[in-house]
N, C-alpha and C. Protein backbone atom coordinates (compact mmCIF):
# COMPACT_ATOMS: atom_id res chain seq x y z
N UNK A 1 0.47 -21.82 -9.47
CA UNK A 1 -0.07 -21.97 -8.47
C UNK A 1 -0.87 -20.85 -7.49
N UNK A 2 -1.83 -20.80 -7.54
CA UNK A 2 -2.87 -19.82 -6.93
C UNK A 2 -2.56 -19.64 -5.54
N UNK A 3 -2.84 -18.43 -5.13
CA UNK A 3 -2.38 -17.75 -3.68
C UNK A 3 -3.80 -16.99 -4.35
N UNK A 4 -4.11 -16.70 -2.78
CA UNK A 4 -5.25 -16.06 -1.60
C UNK A 4 -4.49 -15.52 -0.92
N UNK A 5 -4.74 -13.83 -1.00
CA UNK A 5 -3.19 -13.14 0.06
C UNK A 5 -4.64 -12.05 0.43
N UNK A 6 -5.25 -12.31 1.86
CA UNK A 6 -6.05 -11.95 2.69
C UNK A 6 -4.33 -10.50 2.90
N UNK A 7 -5.19 -9.07 3.27
CA UNK A 7 -4.23 -8.32 4.11
C UNK A 7 -5.29 -7.05 4.16
N UNK A 8 -4.57 -6.97 5.82
CA UNK A 8 -5.23 -6.17 6.48
C UNK A 8 -4.35 -4.55 6.62
N UNK A 9 -4.58 -3.37 7.08
CA UNK A 9 -4.48 -2.45 7.32
C UNK A 9 -3.45 -2.38 9.05
N UNK A 10 -2.13 -2.16 9.11
CA UNK A 10 -1.83 -2.18 10.51
C UNK A 10 -2.54 -1.43 11.69
N UNK A 11 -2.94 -2.25 12.63
CA UNK A 11 -4.01 -1.32 13.07
C UNK A 11 -2.93 0.01 13.87
N UNK A 12 -4.01 1.13 14.42
CA UNK A 12 -3.73 2.49 14.87
C UNK A 12 -2.86 3.34 13.53
N UNK A 13 -2.53 2.83 11.78
CA UNK A 13 -1.65 3.51 11.24
C UNK A 13 -2.43 4.85 10.77
N UNK A 14 -1.21 5.58 10.91
CA UNK A 14 -1.91 7.08 10.55
C UNK A 14 -1.60 7.71 9.25
N UNK A 15 -2.60 8.67 8.94
CA UNK A 15 -2.61 8.92 7.43
C UNK A 15 -1.18 8.97 6.80
N UNK A 16 -0.21 9.54 7.96
CA UNK A 16 0.95 10.25 6.44
C UNK A 16 0.96 8.73 6.35
N UNK A 17 1.26 6.89 7.15
CA UNK A 17 1.12 6.30 6.80
C UNK A 17 1.05 5.32 5.72
N UNK A 18 -0.70 5.96 5.75
CA UNK A 18 -1.30 5.34 4.57
C UNK A 18 -0.93 5.99 3.41
N UNK A 19 -0.73 7.18 2.80
CA UNK A 19 -0.24 7.72 2.20
C UNK A 19 0.99 7.59 1.76
N UNK A 20 2.34 7.24 2.68
CA UNK A 20 2.88 6.16 2.10
C UNK A 20 2.99 4.77 1.54
N UNK A 21 2.20 4.17 2.18
CA UNK A 21 2.06 2.76 1.64
C UNK A 21 1.05 3.19 0.31
N UNK A 22 0.34 3.44 0.43
CA UNK A 22 -0.35 3.95 -1.53
C UNK A 22 1.04 4.72 -2.19
N UNK A 23 2.07 5.09 -1.73
CA UNK A 23 2.79 5.40 -2.46
C UNK A 23 4.03 4.10 -2.97
N UNK A 24 3.96 3.67 -1.43
CA UNK A 24 4.88 1.77 -2.25
C UNK A 24 3.91 1.22 -3.34
N UNK A 25 2.36 1.07 -3.23
CA UNK A 25 2.42 0.37 -3.71
C UNK A 25 1.70 1.18 -5.30
N UNK A 26 2.21 2.96 -5.81
CA UNK A 26 2.10 3.14 -6.84
C UNK A 26 3.22 2.58 -7.32
N UNK A 27 4.53 2.51 -6.39
CA UNK A 27 5.82 2.33 -7.18
C UNK A 27 5.98 0.71 -7.59
N UNK A 28 4.94 -0.14 -6.94
CA UNK A 28 5.19 -1.34 -7.04
C UNK A 28 4.11 -2.27 -7.89
N UNK A 29 3.21 -1.66 -8.07
CA UNK A 29 1.70 -2.32 -8.60
C UNK A 29 0.82 -3.06 -7.90
N UNK A 30 0.32 -4.35 -8.74
CA UNK A 30 -0.16 -5.22 -8.24
C UNK A 30 0.91 -6.59 -7.67
N UNK A 31 2.27 -6.14 -8.37
CA UNK A 31 2.75 -7.21 -7.65
C UNK A 31 3.25 -8.20 -8.97
N UNK A 32 4.19 -9.44 -8.27
CA UNK A 32 4.46 -10.67 -9.41
C UNK A 32 3.33 -11.74 -9.82
N UNK A 33 2.73 -12.21 -10.96
CA UNK A 33 2.56 -12.91 -11.34
C UNK A 33 0.98 -12.81 -11.79
N UNK A 34 0.32 -12.94 -11.86
CA UNK A 34 -0.79 -12.74 -13.26
C UNK A 34 -2.12 -12.13 -12.19
N UNK A 35 -2.34 -11.47 -11.67
CA UNK A 35 -3.70 -10.86 -11.24
C UNK A 35 -5.09 -11.62 -11.24
N UNK A 36 -5.50 -12.46 -11.07
CA UNK A 36 -6.97 -13.11 -11.30
C UNK A 36 -7.75 -12.21 -10.81
N UNK A 37 -7.48 -11.40 -9.29
CA UNK A 37 -8.76 -10.48 -8.54
C UNK A 37 -8.86 -10.26 -7.37
N UNK A 38 -8.77 -9.42 -7.75
CA UNK A 38 -8.72 -7.78 -5.92
C UNK A 38 -9.44 -7.19 -5.65
N UNK A 39 -10.29 -7.52 -4.38
CA UNK A 39 -11.41 -6.54 -4.11
C UNK A 39 -11.15 -6.25 -2.45
N UNK A 40 -11.47 -5.17 -3.00
CA UNK A 40 -11.06 -3.89 -1.03
C UNK A 40 -12.88 -4.64 -0.19
N UNK A 41 -12.23 -4.83 1.03
CA UNK A 41 -13.18 -5.35 1.81
C UNK A 41 -13.99 -3.46 2.20
N UNK A 42 -15.29 -3.24 2.72
CA UNK A 42 -15.86 -2.25 2.29
C UNK A 42 -15.60 -1.96 3.74
N UNK A 43 -15.43 -2.03 4.83
CA UNK A 43 -14.86 -1.31 5.99
C UNK A 43 -13.62 -0.80 5.33
N UNK A 44 -12.86 -0.82 4.97
CA UNK A 44 -11.59 0.24 4.27
C UNK A 44 -10.70 -0.15 4.94
N UNK A 45 -10.34 -1.53 5.31
CA UNK A 45 -8.64 -1.76 6.06
C UNK A 45 -8.17 -2.82 5.54
N UNK A 46 -8.74 -3.10 4.89
CA UNK A 46 -7.95 -4.17 4.12
C UNK A 46 -8.68 -4.39 1.85
N UNK A 47 -7.75 -5.88 1.78
CA UNK A 47 -8.74 -6.57 1.03
C UNK A 47 -8.40 -7.62 1.29
N UNK A 48 -9.06 -8.53 -0.33
CA UNK A 48 -8.09 -10.27 -1.07
C UNK A 48 -7.48 -9.98 -2.09
N UNK A 49 -6.85 -10.35 -2.15
CA UNK A 49 -6.72 -10.32 -3.54
C UNK A 49 -6.33 -12.12 -4.00
N UNK A 50 -6.24 -12.53 -5.67
CA UNK A 50 -5.39 -13.95 -5.47
C UNK A 50 -5.22 -14.01 -6.63
N UNK A 51 -3.95 -14.46 -6.83
CA UNK A 51 -2.67 -14.52 -8.43
C UNK A 51 -2.36 -15.63 -8.38
N UNK A 52 -1.81 -15.76 -9.89
CA UNK A 52 -2.02 -17.20 -10.16
C UNK A 52 0.31 -16.37 -10.62
N UNK A 53 0.94 -17.55 -9.93
CA UNK A 53 2.08 -17.74 -10.23
C UNK A 53 2.88 -18.74 -10.14
N UNK A 54 4.45 -18.81 -10.36
CA UNK A 54 5.06 -20.10 -10.55
C UNK A 54 6.43 -19.41 -9.73
N UNK A 55 6.57 -18.26 -9.51
CA UNK A 55 7.07 -17.45 -8.42
C UNK A 55 6.98 -17.13 -7.02
N UNK A 56 6.45 -18.22 -6.06
CA UNK A 56 6.67 -17.46 -5.05
C UNK A 56 7.23 -17.00 -4.06
N UNK A 57 9.00 -17.26 -4.65
CA UNK A 57 9.70 -16.15 -3.80
C UNK A 57 9.75 -14.46 -4.83
N UNK A 58 9.28 -14.43 -5.31
CA UNK A 58 8.96 -13.01 -6.00
C UNK A 58 7.94 -12.14 -5.37
N UNK A 59 6.49 -13.33 -5.53
CA UNK A 59 5.73 -12.97 -4.49
C UNK A 59 6.22 -12.22 -2.89
N UNK A 60 7.02 -12.95 -2.12
CA UNK A 60 7.68 -13.22 -0.74
C UNK A 60 7.97 -11.69 -0.88
N UNK A 61 8.91 -11.36 -1.75
CA UNK A 61 10.31 -10.32 -2.27
C UNK A 61 9.70 -9.29 -2.17
N UNK A 62 8.02 -8.92 -3.07
CA UNK A 62 6.57 -8.23 -3.37
C UNK A 62 6.47 -7.45 -1.56
N UNK A 63 5.60 -8.71 -1.17
CA UNK A 63 5.05 -8.63 0.28
C UNK A 63 6.21 -7.98 0.57
N UNK A 64 7.37 -7.82 1.36
CA UNK A 64 7.91 -6.88 2.23
C UNK A 64 8.17 -5.99 1.86
N UNK A 65 7.84 -5.32 0.65
CA UNK A 65 7.96 -3.76 0.60
C UNK A 65 6.15 -3.49 2.11
N UNK A 66 5.35 -4.26 2.03
CA UNK A 66 4.41 -3.90 2.41
C UNK A 66 4.45 -3.98 3.80
N UNK A 67 5.36 -4.75 4.20
CA UNK A 67 5.26 -5.41 6.02
C UNK A 67 5.21 -4.17 6.94
N UNK A 68 5.45 -2.95 6.46
CA UNK A 68 5.32 -1.56 7.27
C UNK A 68 3.91 -0.93 7.66
N UNK A 69 3.37 -1.78 6.56
CA UNK A 69 1.88 -1.06 6.64
C UNK A 69 0.80 -2.03 6.73
N UNK A 70 1.26 -3.69 6.71
CA UNK A 70 -0.12 -4.34 5.93
C UNK A 70 0.45 -5.72 7.32
N UNK A 71 -0.97 -6.08 8.02
CA UNK A 71 -1.13 -7.51 7.84
C UNK A 71 -0.74 -8.27 6.95
N UNK A 72 -0.39 -9.44 6.66
CA UNK A 72 -0.84 -10.16 5.55
C UNK A 72 -1.04 -11.77 5.25
N UNK A 73 -1.83 -12.51 5.15
CA UNK A 73 -1.91 -13.78 5.65
C UNK A 73 -1.96 -14.68 3.18
N UNK A 74 -0.73 -15.31 3.13
CA UNK A 74 -1.11 -15.88 2.28
C UNK A 74 -1.76 -17.67 1.48
N UNK A 75 -2.42 -17.95 1.30
CA UNK A 75 -2.98 -19.53 1.68
C UNK A 75 -2.58 -19.86 -0.11
N UNK A 76 -2.40 -21.07 -0.47
CA UNK A 76 -2.08 -21.63 -1.55
C UNK A 76 -3.72 -22.28 -1.79
N UNK A 77 -4.20 -21.93 -2.99
CA UNK A 77 -5.58 -22.52 -3.03
C UNK A 77 -5.76 -23.14 -4.53
N UNK A 78 -6.86 -24.34 -4.96
CA UNK A 78 -7.20 -24.84 -5.94
C UNK A 78 -8.07 -24.92 -5.96
N UNK A 79 -8.69 -24.87 -7.43
CA UNK A 79 -9.78 -24.00 -7.23
C UNK A 79 -10.89 -25.43 -7.51
N UNK A 80 -12.40 -25.64 -7.22
CA UNK A 80 -13.18 -26.34 -6.48
C UNK A 80 -13.23 -27.67 -7.04
N UNK A 81 -13.01 -27.32 -8.34
CA UNK A 81 -13.12 -28.03 -9.77
C UNK A 81 -12.42 -29.18 -10.20
N UNK A 82 -11.41 -28.48 -9.12
CA UNK A 82 -9.94 -29.58 -9.01
C UNK A 82 -9.98 -30.48 -8.38
N UNK A 83 -10.51 -29.99 -7.04
CA UNK A 83 -10.48 -30.17 -5.27
C UNK A 83 -11.27 -31.59 -5.65
N UNK A 84 -12.95 -31.20 -5.97
CA UNK A 84 -13.96 -32.59 -5.78
C UNK A 84 -13.48 -33.64 -5.91
N UNK A 85 -12.58 -34.57 -7.74
CA UNK A 85 -12.73 -35.63 -7.70
C UNK A 85 -11.39 -36.24 -6.92
N UNK A 86 -10.38 -34.89 -5.98
CA UNK A 86 -9.76 -36.01 -5.77
C UNK A 86 -10.32 -36.27 -4.04
N UNK A 87 -11.24 -35.27 -3.28
CA UNK A 87 -12.26 -35.55 -2.50
C UNK A 87 -13.20 -36.53 -2.43
N UNK A 88 -13.99 -36.96 -3.73
CA UNK A 88 -14.37 -37.87 -3.96
C UNK A 88 -13.39 -39.27 -4.00
N UNK A 89 -12.15 -39.04 -4.75
CA UNK A 89 -11.16 -40.37 -4.46
C UNK A 89 -11.01 -40.61 -3.33
N UNK A 90 -10.86 -39.82 -2.15
CA UNK A 90 -10.03 -40.25 -0.32
C UNK A 90 -11.61 -40.55 -0.46
N UNK A 91 -12.57 -40.28 -0.42
CA UNK A 91 -13.82 -40.44 -0.07
C UNK A 91 -14.70 -42.43 0.24
N UNK A 92 -14.18 -42.45 -1.06
CA UNK A 92 -14.54 -44.12 -1.66
C UNK A 92 -14.21 -45.17 -1.12
């Protein structure tokens, strides 16, 4: 399963809380699954990760570590090459 994770720092987070969040990240790393890509948004308040996993519960458990600091949105996605044949079949 491919997951797209969009994350944003919670509003009004202090510098000390950001330091704490980075400590959590240093302790836990990128988390479970295979990291496909990880980008930081240029405004500096979040980013986007794509990961491959067969264990969404492990991803959920990992993400709980960051709930004091981040707002997260996870979406299951598929490659467009896999989606187009299904769309075309639906349209026929």
